[in-house]
Amino acid sequence: ELADSMIFIPIVFWASGIKTVLTMMACQVTVKVLYELI
């Protein structure tokens, strides 16, 4: 999931700024991993 997010989000959302990119990456990885934990 980290590899997926590190490729997709920066390519698509780089113009939104580094803070937004990092927040979106952290959010998606966290939610997806929690999903799989459950």
Full PDB file with SEQRES, HELIX, SHEET, SSBOND, CRYST1, ORIGX, SCALE, CONECT and MASTER records, all heavy atoms in Angstrom:
SEQRES   1 A   38  GLU LEU ALA ASP SER MET ILE PHE ILE PRO ILE VAL PHE          
SEQRES   2 A   38  TRP ALA SER GLY ILE LYS THR VAL LEU THR MET MET ALA          
SEQRES   3 A   38  CYS GLN VAL THR VAL LYS VAL LEU TYR GLU LEU ILE              
HELIX    1 AA1 LEU A    2  PHE A   13  1                                  12    
HELIX    2 AA2 TRP A   14  SER A   16  5                                   3    
HELIX    3 AA3 ILE A   18  LEU A   37  1                                  20    
CRYST1    1.000    1.000    1.000  90.00  90.00  90.00 P 1           1          
ORIGX1      1.000000  0.000000  0.000000        0.00000                         
ORIGX2      0.000000  1.000000  0.000000        0.00000                         
ORIGX3      0.000000  0.000000  1.000000        0.00000                         
SCALE1      1.000000  0.000000  0.000000        0.00000                         
SCALE2      0.000000  1.000000  0.000000        0.00000                         
SCALE3      0.000000  0.000000  1.000000        0.00000                         
ATOM      1  N   GLU A   1       0.831  -1.211   0.000  1.00  0.00           N  
ATOM      2  CA  GLU A   1       0.000   0.000   0.000  1.00  0.00           C  
ATOM      3  C   GLU A   1       0.863   1.257   0.000  1.00  0.00           C  
ATOM      4  O   GLU A   1       0.511   2.266  -0.630  1.00  0.00           O  
ATOM      5  CB  GLU A   1      -0.926   0.007   1.219  1.00  0.00           C  
ATOM      6  CG  GLU A   1      -1.934  -1.134   1.287  1.00  0.00           C  
ATOM      7  CD  GLU A   1      -3.082  -0.963   0.302  1.00  0.00           C  
ATOM      8  OE1 GLU A   1      -3.026  -0.050  -0.545  1.00  0.00           O  
ATOM      9  OE2 GLU A   1      -4.021  -1.766   0.388  1.00  0.00           O  
ATOM     10  N   LEU A   2       1.987   1.209   0.714  1.00  0.00           N  
ATOM     11  CA  LEU A   2       2.888   2.367   0.748  1.00  0.00           C  
ATOM     12  C   LEU A   2       3.471   2.619  -0.637  1.00  0.00           C  
ATOM     13  O   LEU A   2       3.521   3.771  -1.101  1.00  0.00           O  
ATOM     14  CB  LEU A   2       3.998   2.131   1.767  1.00  0.00           C  
ATOM     15  CG  LEU A   2       4.937   3.312   2.042  1.00  0.00           C  
ATOM     16  CD1 LEU A   2       4.148   4.521   2.537  1.00  0.00           C  
ATOM     17  CD2 LEU A   2       6.001   2.922   3.063  1.00  0.00           C  
ATOM     18  N   ALA A   3       3.909   1.556  -1.308  1.00  0.00           N  
ATOM     19  CA  ALA A   3       4.447   1.701  -2.661  1.00  0.00           C  
ATOM     20  C   ALA A   3       3.385   2.242  -3.609  1.00  0.00           C  
ATOM     21  O   ALA A   3       3.655   3.131  -4.430  1.00  0.00           O  
ATOM     22  CB  ALA A   3       4.964   0.355  -3.165  1.00  0.00           C  
ATOM     23  N   ASP A   4       2.170   1.707  -3.495  1.00  0.00           N  
ATOM     24  CA  ASP A   4       1.060   2.163  -4.329  1.00  0.00           C  
ATOM     25  C   ASP A   4       0.821   3.665  -4.140  1.00  0.00           C  
ATOM     26  O   ASP A   4       0.721   4.424  -5.106  1.00  0.00           O  
ATOM     27  CB  ASP A   4      -0.191   1.369  -3.966  1.00  0.00           C  
ATOM     28  CG  ASP A   4      -1.372   1.678  -4.864  1.00  0.00           C  
ATOM     29  OD1 ASP A   4      -1.986   2.759  -4.707  1.00  0.00           O  
ATOM     30  OD2 ASP A   4      -1.694   0.836  -5.711  1.00  0.00           O  
ATOM     31  N   SER A   5       0.747   4.092  -2.886  1.00  0.00           N  
ATOM     32  CA  SER A   5       0.472   5.497  -2.582  1.00  0.00           C  
ATOM     33  C   SER A   5       1.628   6.407  -2.979  1.00  0.00           C  
ATOM     34  O   SER A   5       1.420   7.535  -3.434  1.00  0.00           O  
ATOM     35  CB  SER A   5       0.171   5.661  -1.086  1.00  0.00           C  
ATOM     36  OG  SER A   5      -0.996   4.955  -0.728  1.00  0.00           O  
ATOM     37  N   MET A   6       2.863   5.914  -2.810  1.00  0.00           N  
ATOM     38  CA  MET A   6       4.044   6.729  -3.132  1.00  0.00           C  
ATOM     39  C   MET A   6       4.178   6.970  -4.633  1.00  0.00           C  
ATOM     40  O   MET A   6       4.822   7.935  -5.059  1.00  0.00           O  
ATOM     41  CB  MET A   6       5.305   6.048  -2.606  1.00  0.00           C  
ATOM     42  CG  MET A   6       5.454   6.110  -1.105  1.00  0.00           C  
ATOM     43  SD  MET A   6       6.946   5.263  -0.496  1.00  0.00           S  
ATOM     44  CE  MET A   6       8.221   6.338  -1.162  1.00  0.00           C  
ATOM     45  N   ILE A   7       3.564   6.109  -5.435  1.00  0.00           N  
ATOM     46  CA  ILE A   7       3.598   6.310  -6.881  1.00  0.00           C  
ATOM     47  C   ILE A   7       2.391   7.120  -7.342  1.00  0.00           C  
ATOM     48  O   ILE A   7       2.536   8.127  -8.049  1.00  0.00           O  
ATOM     49  CB  ILE A   7       3.626   4.950  -7.611  1.00  0.00           C  
ATOM     50  CG1 ILE A   7       4.947   4.235  -7.328  1.00  0.00           C  
ATOM     51  CG2 ILE A   7       3.437   5.140  -9.123  1.00  0.00           C  
ATOM     52  CD1 ILE A   7       5.001   2.815  -7.847  1.00  0.00           C  
ATOM     53  N   PHE A   8       1.207   6.699  -6.925  1.00  0.00           N  
ATOM     54  CA  PHE A   8      -0.017   7.319  -7.454  1.00  0.00           C  
ATOM     55  C   PHE A   8      -0.227   8.753  -6.972  1.00  0.00           C  
ATOM     56  O   PHE A   8      -0.436   9.667  -7.782  1.00  0.00           O  
ATOM     57  CB  PHE A   8      -1.228   6.464  -7.070  1.00  0.00           C  
ATOM     58  CG  PHE A   8      -2.533   7.036  -7.563  1.00  0.00           C  
ATOM     59  CD1 PHE A   8      -2.913   6.894  -8.883  1.00  0.00           C  
ATOM     60  CD2 PHE A   8      -3.376   7.736  -6.705  1.00  0.00           C  
ATOM     61  CE1 PHE A   8      -4.110   7.423  -9.345  1.00  0.00           C  
ATOM     62  CE2 PHE A   8      -4.570   8.274  -7.154  1.00  0.00           C  
ATOM     63  CZ  PHE A   8      -4.943   8.118  -8.480  1.00  0.00           C  
ATOM     64  N   ILE A   9      -0.166   8.973  -5.682  1.00  0.00           N  
ATOM     65  CA  ILE A   9      -0.529  10.290  -5.129  1.00  0.00           C  
ATOM     66  C   ILE A   9       0.414  11.405  -5.571  1.00  0.00           C  
ATOM     67  O   ILE A   9      -0.046  12.477  -6.000  1.00  0.00           O  
ATOM     68  CB  ILE A   9      -0.643  10.217  -3.594  1.00  0.00           C  
ATOM     69  CG1 ILE A   9      -1.834   9.316  -3.223  1.00  0.00           C  
ATOM     70  CG2 ILE A   9      -0.837  11.606  -2.983  1.00  0.00           C  
ATOM     71  CD1 ILE A   9      -2.000   9.073  -1.749  1.00  0.00           C  
ATOM     72  N   PRO A  10       1.745  11.228  -5.493  1.00  0.00           N  
ATOM     73  CA  PRO A  10       2.616  12.323  -5.954  1.00  0.00           C  
ATOM     74  C   PRO A  10       2.434  12.659  -7.430  1.00  0.00           C  
ATOM     75  O   PRO A  10       2.489  13.837  -7.807  1.00  0.00           O  
ATOM     76  CB  PRO A  10       4.032  11.776  -5.689  1.00  0.00           C  
ATOM     77  CG  PRO A  10       3.856  10.805  -4.587  1.00  0.00           C  
ATOM     78  CD  PRO A  10       2.534  10.145  -4.860  1.00  0.00           C  
ATOM     79  N   ILE A  11       2.218  11.643  -8.276  1.00  0.00           N  
ATOM     80  CA  ILE A  11       2.045  11.902  -9.707  1.00  0.00           C  
ATOM     81  C   ILE A  11       0.780  12.714  -9.965  1.00  0.00           C  
ATOM     82  O   ILE A  11       0.770  13.669 -10.741  1.00  0.00           O  
ATOM     83  CB  ILE A  11       1.991  10.579 -10.495  1.00  0.00           C  
ATOM     84  CG1 ILE A  11       3.367   9.895 -10.476  1.00  0.00           C  
ATOM     85  CG2 ILE A  11       1.564  10.825 -11.942  1.00  0.00           C  
ATOM     86  CD1 ILE A  11       3.389   8.531 -11.141  1.00  0.00           C  
ATOM     87  N   VAL A  12      -0.290  12.352  -9.292  1.00  0.00           N  
ATOM     88  CA  VAL A  12      -1.593  12.977  -9.575  1.00  0.00           C  
ATOM     89  C   VAL A  12      -1.797  14.278  -8.802  1.00  0.00           C  
ATOM     90  O   VAL A  12      -2.387  15.236  -9.317  1.00  0.00           O  
ATOM     91  CB  VAL A  12      -2.730  11.984  -9.260  1.00  0.00           C  
ATOM     92  CG1 VAL A  12      -4.089  12.638  -9.467  1.00  0.00           C  
ATOM     93  CG2 VAL A  12      -2.600  10.746 -10.134  1.00  0.00           C  
ATOM     94  N   PHE A  13      -1.292  14.355  -7.556  1.00  0.00           N  
ATOM     95  CA  PHE A  13      -1.624  15.486  -6.691  1.00  0.00           C  
ATOM     96  C   PHE A  13      -0.421  16.362  -6.325  1.00  0.00           C  
ATOM     97  O   PHE A  13      -0.504  17.151  -5.389  1.00  0.00           O  
ATOM     98  CB  PHE A  13      -2.277  14.973  -5.395  1.00  0.00           C  
ATOM     99  CG  PHE A  13      -3.569  14.249  -5.618  1.00  0.00           C  
ATOM    100  CD1 PHE A  13      -3.626  12.862  -5.579  1.00  0.00           C  
ATOM    101  CD2 PHE A  13      -4.740  14.949  -5.882  1.00  0.00           C  
ATOM    102  CE1 PHE A  13      -4.816  12.187  -5.783  1.00  0.00           C  
ATOM    103  CE2 PHE A  13      -5.938  14.292  -6.094  1.00  0.00           C  
ATOM    104  CZ  PHE A  13      -5.979  12.911  -6.045  1.00  0.00           C  
ATOM    105  N   TRP A  14       0.690  16.247  -7.043  1.00  0.00           N  
ATOM    106  CA  TRP A  14       1.885  17.014  -6.692  1.00  0.00           C  
ATOM    107  C   TRP A  14       1.621  18.515  -6.684  1.00  0.00           C  
ATOM    108  O   TRP A  14       2.159  19.256  -5.854  1.00  0.00           O  
ATOM    109  CB  TRP A  14       3.024  16.690  -7.652  1.00  0.00           C  
ATOM    110  CG  TRP A  14       4.316  17.332  -7.242  1.00  0.00           C  
ATOM    111  CD1 TRP A  14       4.906  18.445  -7.766  1.00  0.00           C  
ATOM    112  CD2 TRP A  14       5.168  16.905  -6.177  1.00  0.00           C  
ATOM    113  NE1 TRP A  14       6.069  18.719  -7.110  1.00  0.00           N  
ATOM    114  CE2 TRP A  14       6.263  17.795  -6.120  1.00  0.00           C  
ATOM    115  CE3 TRP A  14       5.110  15.852  -5.255  1.00  0.00           C  
ATOM    116  CZ2 TRP A  14       7.287  17.662  -5.185  1.00  0.00           C  
ATOM    117  CZ3 TRP A  14       6.135  15.713  -4.326  1.00  0.00           C  
ATOM    118  CH2 TRP A  14       7.197  16.624  -4.308  1.00  0.00           C  
ATOM    119  N   ALA A  15       0.771  18.984  -7.600  1.00  0.00           N  
ATOM    120  CA  ALA A  15       0.480  20.415  -7.684  1.00  0.00           C  
ATOM    121  C   ALA A  15      -0.239  20.938  -6.447  1.00  0.00           C  
ATOM    122  O   ALA A  15      -0.269  22.150  -6.196  1.00  0.00           O  
ATOM    123  CB  ALA A  15      -0.370  20.702  -8.927  1.00  0.00           C  
ATOM    124  N   SER A  16      -0.798  20.030  -5.647  1.00  0.00           N  
ATOM    125  CA  SER A  16      -1.522  20.452  -4.442  1.00  0.00           C  
ATOM    126  C   SER A  16      -0.592  20.804  -3.290  1.00  0.00           C  
ATOM    127  O   SER A  16      -1.052  21.329  -2.266  1.00  0.00           O  
ATOM    128  CB  SER A  16      -2.480  19.336  -3.993  1.00  0.00           C  
ATOM    129  OG  SER A  16      -3.404  19.028  -5.017  1.00  0.00           O  
ATOM    130  N   GLY A  17       0.690  20.485  -3.446  1.00  0.00           N  
ATOM    131  CA  GLY A  17       1.647  20.818  -2.388  1.00  0.00           C  
ATOM    132  C   GLY A  17       2.099  19.584  -1.619  1.00  0.00           C  
ATOM    133  O   GLY A  17       1.349  18.606  -1.495  1.00  0.00           O  
ATOM    134  N   ILE A  18       3.303  19.646  -1.103  1.00  0.00           N  
ATOM    135  CA  ILE A  18       3.905  18.502  -0.429  1.00  0.00           C  
ATOM    136  C   ILE A  18       3.121  18.097   0.823  1.00  0.00           C  
ATOM    137  O   ILE A  18       2.983  16.914   1.136  1.00  0.00           O  
ATOM    138  CB  ILE A  18       5.386  18.805  -0.071  1.00  0.00           C  
ATOM    139  CG1 ILE A  18       6.063  17.553   0.506  1.00  0.00           C  
ATOM    140  CG2 ILE A  18       5.477  19.970   0.899  1.00  0.00           C  
ATOM    141  CD1 ILE A  18       6.203  16.431  -0.476  1.00  0.00           C  
ATOM    142  N   LYS A  19       2.588  19.086   1.554  1.00  0.00           N  
ATOM    143  CA  LYS A  19       1.838  18.774   2.770  1.00  0.00           C  
ATOM    144  C   LYS A  19       0.592  17.954   2.450  1.00  0.00           C  
ATOM    145  O   LYS A  19       0.285  16.961   3.130  1.00  0.00           O  
ATOM    146  CB  LYS A  19       1.447  20.053   3.500  1.00  0.00           C  
ATOM    147  CG  LYS A  19       0.712  19.801   4.808  1.00  0.00           C  
ATOM    148  CD  LYS A  19       0.389  21.104   5.522  1.00  0.00           C  
ATOM    149  CE  LYS A  19      -0.360  20.832   6.822  1.00  0.00           C  
ATOM    150  NZ  LYS A  19      -0.702  22.105   7.535  1.00  0.00           N  
ATOM    151  N   THR A  20      -0.120  18.367   1.403  1.00  0.00           N  
ATOM    152  CA  THR A  20      -1.324  17.649   0.993  1.00  0.00           C  
ATOM    153  C   THR A  20      -0.987  16.242   0.538  1.00  0.00           C  
ATOM    154  O   THR A  20      -1.683  15.278   0.877  1.00  0.00           O  
ATOM    155  CB  THR A  20      -2.038  18.404  -0.142  1.00  0.00           C  
ATOM    156  OG1 THR A  20      -2.414  19.706   0.321  1.00  0.00           O  
ATOM    157  CG2 THR A  20      -3.278  17.646  -0.602  1.00  0.00           C  
ATOM    158  N   VAL A  21       0.089  16.118  -0.228  1.00  0.00           N  
ATOM    159  CA  VAL A  21       0.515  14.811  -0.736  1.00  0.00           C  
ATOM    160  C   VAL A  21       0.844  13.868   0.418  1.00  0.00           C  
ATOM    161  O   VAL A  21       0.388  12.712   0.455  1.00  0.00           O  
ATOM    162  CB  VAL A  21       1.734  14.955  -1.669  1.00  0.00           C  
ATOM    163  CG1 VAL A  21       2.374  13.596  -1.945  1.00  0.00           C  
ATOM    164  CG2 VAL A  21       1.316  15.601  -2.981  1.00  0.00           C  
ATOM    165  N   LEU A  22       1.623  14.346   1.390  1.00  0.00           N  
ATOM    166  CA  LEU A  22       2.014  13.513   2.525  1.00  0.00           C  
ATOM    167  C   LEU A  22       0.799  13.131   3.380  1.00  0.00           C  
ATOM    168  O   LEU A  22       0.700  11.995   3.868  1.00  0.00           O  
ATOM    169  CB  LEU A  22       3.057  14.238   3.378  1.00  0.00           C  
ATOM    170  CG  LEU A  22       4.425  14.431   2.724  1.00  0.00           C  
ATOM    171  CD1 LEU A  22       5.334  15.250   3.637  1.00  0.00           C  
ATOM    172  CD2 LEU A  22       5.072  13.085   2.399  1.00  0.00           C  
ATOM    173  N   THR A  23      -0.124  14.075   3.556  1.00  0.00           N  
ATOM    174  CA  THR A  23      -1.337  13.800   4.340  1.00  0.00           C  
ATOM    175  C   THR A  23      -2.191  12.740   3.668  1.00  0.00           C  
ATOM    176  O   THR A  23      -2.686  11.810   4.324  1.00  0.00           O  
ATOM    177  CB  THR A  23      -2.161  15.087   4.525  1.00  0.00           C  
ATOM    178  OG1 THR A  23      -1.375  16.064   5.205  1.00  0.00           O  
ATOM    179  CG2 THR A  23      -3.418  14.804   5.330  1.00  0.00           C  
ATOM    180  N   MET A  24      -2.355  12.870   2.354  1.00  0.00           N  
ATOM    181  CA  MET A  24      -3.160  11.896   1.612  1.00  0.00           C  
ATOM    182  C   MET A  24      -2.513  10.514   1.639  1.00  0.00           C  
ATOM    183  O   MET A  24      -3.191   9.498   1.782  1.00  0.00           O  
ATOM    184  CB  MET A  24      -3.353  12.371   0.167  1.00  0.00           C  
ATOM    185  CG  MET A  24      -4.247  13.580   0.022  1.00  0.00           C  
ATOM    186  SD  MET A  24      -4.515  14.044  -1.712  1.00  0.00           S  
ATOM    187  CE  MET A  24      -5.532  12.672  -2.270  1.00  0.00           C  
ATOM    188  N   MET A  25      -1.192  10.466   1.511  1.00  0.00           N  
ATOM    189  CA  MET A  25      -0.490   9.179   1.555  1.00  0.00           C  
ATOM    190  C   MET A  25      -0.680   8.515   2.912  1.00  0.00           C  
ATOM    191  O   MET A  25      -1.009   7.322   2.984  1.00  0.00           O  
ATOM    192  CB  MET A  25       1.002   9.388   1.268  1.00  0.00           C  
ATOM    193  CG  MET A  25       1.322   9.676  -0.182  1.00  0.00           C  
ATOM    194  SD  MET A  25       3.066  10.115  -0.443  1.00  0.00           S  
ATOM    195  CE  MET A  25       3.883   8.671   0.232  1.00  0.00           C  
ATOM    196  N   ALA A  26      -0.467   9.283   3.975  1.00  0.00           N  
ATOM    197  CA  ALA A  26      -0.602   8.734   5.330  1.00  0.00           C  
ATOM    198  C   ALA A  26      -2.028   8.249   5.578  1.00  0.00           C  
ATOM    199  O   ALA A  26      -2.249   7.177   6.168  1.00  0.00           O  
ATOM    200  CB  ALA A  26      -0.213   9.788   6.359  1.00  0.00           C  
ATOM    201  N   CYS A  27      -2.989   9.025   5.123  1.00  0.00           N  
ATOM    202  CA  CYS A  27      -4.400   8.693   5.332  1.00  0.00           C  
ATOM    203  C   CYS A  27      -4.780   7.410   4.606  1.00  0.00           C  
ATOM    204  O   CYS A  27      -5.388   6.505   5.181  1.00  0.00           O  
ATOM    205  CB  CYS A  27      -5.267   9.854   4.852  1.00  0.00           C  
ATOM    206  SG  CYS A  27      -7.034   9.607   5.116  1.00  0.00           S  
ATOM    207  N   GLN A  28      -4.401   7.307   3.327  1.00  0.00           N  
ATOM    208  CA  GLN A  28      -4.788   6.140   2.549  1.00  0.00           C  
ATOM    209  C   GLN A  28      -4.127   4.869   3.063  1.00  0.00           C  
ATOM    210  O   GLN A  28      -4.780   3.825   3.188  1.00  0.00           O  
ATOM    211  CB  GLN A  28      -4.428   6.356   1.072  1.00  0.00           C  
ATOM    212  CG  GLN A  28      -5.310   7.393   0.397  1.00  0.00           C  
ATOM    213  CD  GLN A  28      -5.493   7.112  -1.085  1.00  0.00           C  
ATOM    214  OE1 GLN A  28      -5.683   5.980  -1.496  1.00  0.00           O  
ATOM    215  NE2 GLN A  28      -5.442   8.161  -1.884  1.00  0.00           N  
ATOM    216  N   VAL A  29      -2.835   4.946   3.363  1.00  0.00           N  
ATOM    217  CA  VAL A  29      -2.136   3.762   3.868  1.00  0.00           C  
ATOM    218  C   VAL A  29      -2.744   3.319   5.197  1.00  0.00           C  
ATOM    219  O   VAL A  29      -2.995   2.127   5.430  1.00  0.00           O  
ATOM    220  CB  VAL A  29      -0.630   4.027   4.022  1.00  0.00           C  
ATOM    221  CG1 VAL A  29       0.053   2.862   4.734  1.00  0.00           C  
ATOM    222  CG2 VAL A  29       0.012   4.247   2.661  1.00  0.00           C  
ATOM    223  N   THR A  30      -3.005   4.286   6.080  1.00  0.00           N  
ATOM    224  CA  THR A  30      -3.558   3.971   7.402  1.00  0.00           C  
ATOM    225  C   THR A  30      -4.922   3.301   7.292  1.00  0.00           C  
ATOM    226  O   THR A  30      -5.175   2.252   7.909  1.00  0.00           O  
ATOM    227  CB  THR A  30      -3.682   5.246   8.253  1.00  0.00           C  
ATOM    228  OG1 THR A  30      -2.387   5.821   8.434  1.00  0.00           O  
ATOM    229  CG2 THR A  30      -4.279   4.920   9.617  1.00  0.00           C  
ATOM    230  N   VAL A  31      -5.814   3.895   6.497  1.00  0.00           N  
ATOM    231  CA  VAL A  31      -7.172   3.364   6.369  1.00  0.00           C  
ATOM    232  C   VAL A  31      -7.171   1.982   5.719  1.00  0.00           C  
ATOM    233  O   VAL A  31      -7.867   1.065   6.161  1.00  0.00           O  
ATOM    234  CB  VAL A  31      -8.057   4.338   5.564  1.00  0.00           C  
ATOM    235  CG1 VAL A  31      -9.399   3.685   5.211  1.00  0.00           C  
ATOM    236  CG2 VAL A  31      -8.289   5.612   6.363  1.00  0.00           C  
ATOM    237  N   LYS A  32      -6.361   1.808   4.675  1.00  0.00           N  
ATOM    238  CA  LYS A  32      -6.331   0.516   3.973  1.00  0.00           C  
ATOM    239  C   LYS A  32      -5.768  -0.590   4.865  1.00  0.00           C  
ATOM    240  O   LYS A  32      -6.263  -1.727   4.848  1.00  0.00           O  
ATOM    241  CB  LYS A  32      -5.515   0.648   2.693  1.00  0.00           C  
ATOM    242  CG  LYS A  32      -6.213   1.463   1.603  1.00  0.00           C  
ATOM    243  CD  LYS A  32      -5.332   1.641   0.391  1.00  0.00           C  
ATOM    244  CE  LYS A  32      -6.037   2.450  -0.688  1.00  0.00           C  
ATOM    245  NZ  LYS A  32      -5.185   2.675  -1.882  1.00  0.00           N  
ATOM    246  N   VAL A  33      -4.731  -0.267   5.638  1.00  0.00           N  
ATOM    247  CA  VAL A  33      -4.149  -1.274   6.524  1.00  0.00           C  
ATOM    248  C   VAL A  33      -5.111  -1.606   7.661  1.00  0.00           C  
ATOM    249  O   VAL A  33      -5.257  -2.770   8.055  1.00  0.00           O  
ATOM    250  CB  VAL A  33      -2.784  -0.813   7.064  1.00  0.00           C  
ATOM    251  CG1 VAL A  33      -2.267  -1.767   8.141  1.00  0.00           C  
ATOM    252  CG2 VAL A  33      -1.772  -0.727   5.929  1.00  0.00           C  
ATOM    253  N   LEU A  34      -5.801  -0.588   8.209  1.00  0.00           N  
ATOM    254  CA  LEU A  34      -6.807  -0.842   9.241  1.00  0.00           C  
ATOM    255  C   LEU A  34      -7.918  -1.738   8.697  1.00  0.00           C  
ATOM    256  O   LEU A  34      -8.413  -2.632   9.388  1.00  0.00           O  
ATOM    257  CB  LEU A  34      -7.392   0.481   9.740  1.00  0.00           C  
ATOM    258  CG  LEU A  34      -6.508   1.301  10.683  1.00  0.00           C  
ATOM    259  CD1 LEU A  34      -7.166   2.644  10.987  1.00  0.00           C  
ATOM    260  CD2 LEU A  34      -6.267   0.537  11.988  1.00  0.00           C  
ATOM    261  N   TYR A  35      -8.305  -1.480   7.469  1.00  0.00           N  
ATOM    262  CA  TYR A  35      -9.313  -2.295   6.778  1.00  0.00           C  
ATOM    263  C   TYR A  35      -8.876  -3.768   6.799  1.00  0.00           C  
ATOM    264  O   TYR A  35      -9.656  -4.660   7.134  1.00  0.00           O  
ATOM    265  CB  TYR A  35      -9.417  -1.779   5.345  1.00  0.00           C  
ATOM    266  CG  TYR A  35     -10.498  -2.381   4.474  1.00  0.00           C  
ATOM    267  CD1 TYR A  35     -11.530  -1.596   3.981  1.00  0.00           C  
ATOM    268  CD2 TYR A  35     -10.469  -3.710   4.080  1.00  0.00           C  
ATOM    269  CE1 TYR A  35     -12.511  -2.113   3.142  1.00  0.00           C  
ATOM    270  CE2 TYR A  35     -11.437  -4.244   3.253  1.00  0.00           C  
ATOM    271  CZ  TYR A  35     -12.452  -3.441   2.786  1.00  0.00           C  
ATOM    272  OH  TYR A  35     -13.414  -3.972   1.965  1.00  0.00           O  
ATOM    273  N   GLU A  36      -7.629  -4.000   6.441  1.00  0.00           N  
ATOM    274  CA  GLU A  36      -7.134  -5.374   6.380  1.00  0.00           C  
ATOM    275  C   GLU A  36      -6.953  -5.977   7.766  1.00  0.00           C  
ATOM    276  O   GLU A  36      -7.110  -7.196   7.938  1.00  0.00           O  
ATOM    277  CB  GLU A  36      -5.835  -5.417   5.582  1.00  0.00           C  
ATOM    278  CG  GLU A  36      -6.049  -4.987   4.133  1.00  0.00           C  
ATOM    279  CD  GLU A  36      -4.900  -5.356   3.231  1.00  0.00           C  
ATOM    280  OE1 GLU A  36      -4.360  -6.462   3.384  1.00  0.00           O  
ATOM    281  OE2 GLU A  36      -4.547  -4.536   2.375  1.00  0.00           O  
ATOM    282  N   LEU A  37      -6.632  -5.158   8.749  1.00  0.00           N  
ATOM    283  CA  LEU A  37      -6.534  -5.658  10.125  1.00  0.00           C  
ATOM    284  C   LEU A  37      -7.893  -6.149  10.619  1.00  0.00           C  
ATOM    285  O   LEU A  37      -7.995  -7.206  11.251  1.00  0.00           O  
ATOM    286  CB  LEU A  37      -6.014  -4.550  11.047  1.00  0.00           C  
ATOM    287  CG  LEU A  37      -4.508  -4.432  11.229  1.00  0.00           C  
ATOM    288  CD1 LEU A  37      -4.164  -3.152  11.986  1.00  0.00           C  
ATOM    289  CD2 LEU A  37      -3.956  -5.649  11.969  1.00  0.00           C  
ATOM    290  N   ILE A  38      -8.920  -5.372  10.322  1.00  0.00           N  
ATOM    291  CA  ILE A  38     -10.265  -5.726  10.771  1.00  0.00           C  
ATOM    292  C   ILE A  38     -10.733  -7.037  10.145  1.00  0.00           C  
ATOM    293  O   ILE A  38     -11.362  -7.877  10.797  1.00  0.00           O  
ATOM    294  CB  ILE A  38     -11.256  -4.586  10.441  1.00  0.00           C  
ATOM    295  CG1 ILE A  38     -10.933  -3.349  11.295  1.00  0.00           C  
ATOM    296  CG2 ILE A  38     -12.694  -5.033  10.663  1.00  0.00           C  
ATOM    297  CD1 ILE A  38     -11.677  -2.103  10.880  1.00  0.00           C  
TER     298      ILE A  38                                                      
MASTER        0    0    0    3    0    0    0    6  297    1    0    3          
END                                                                             
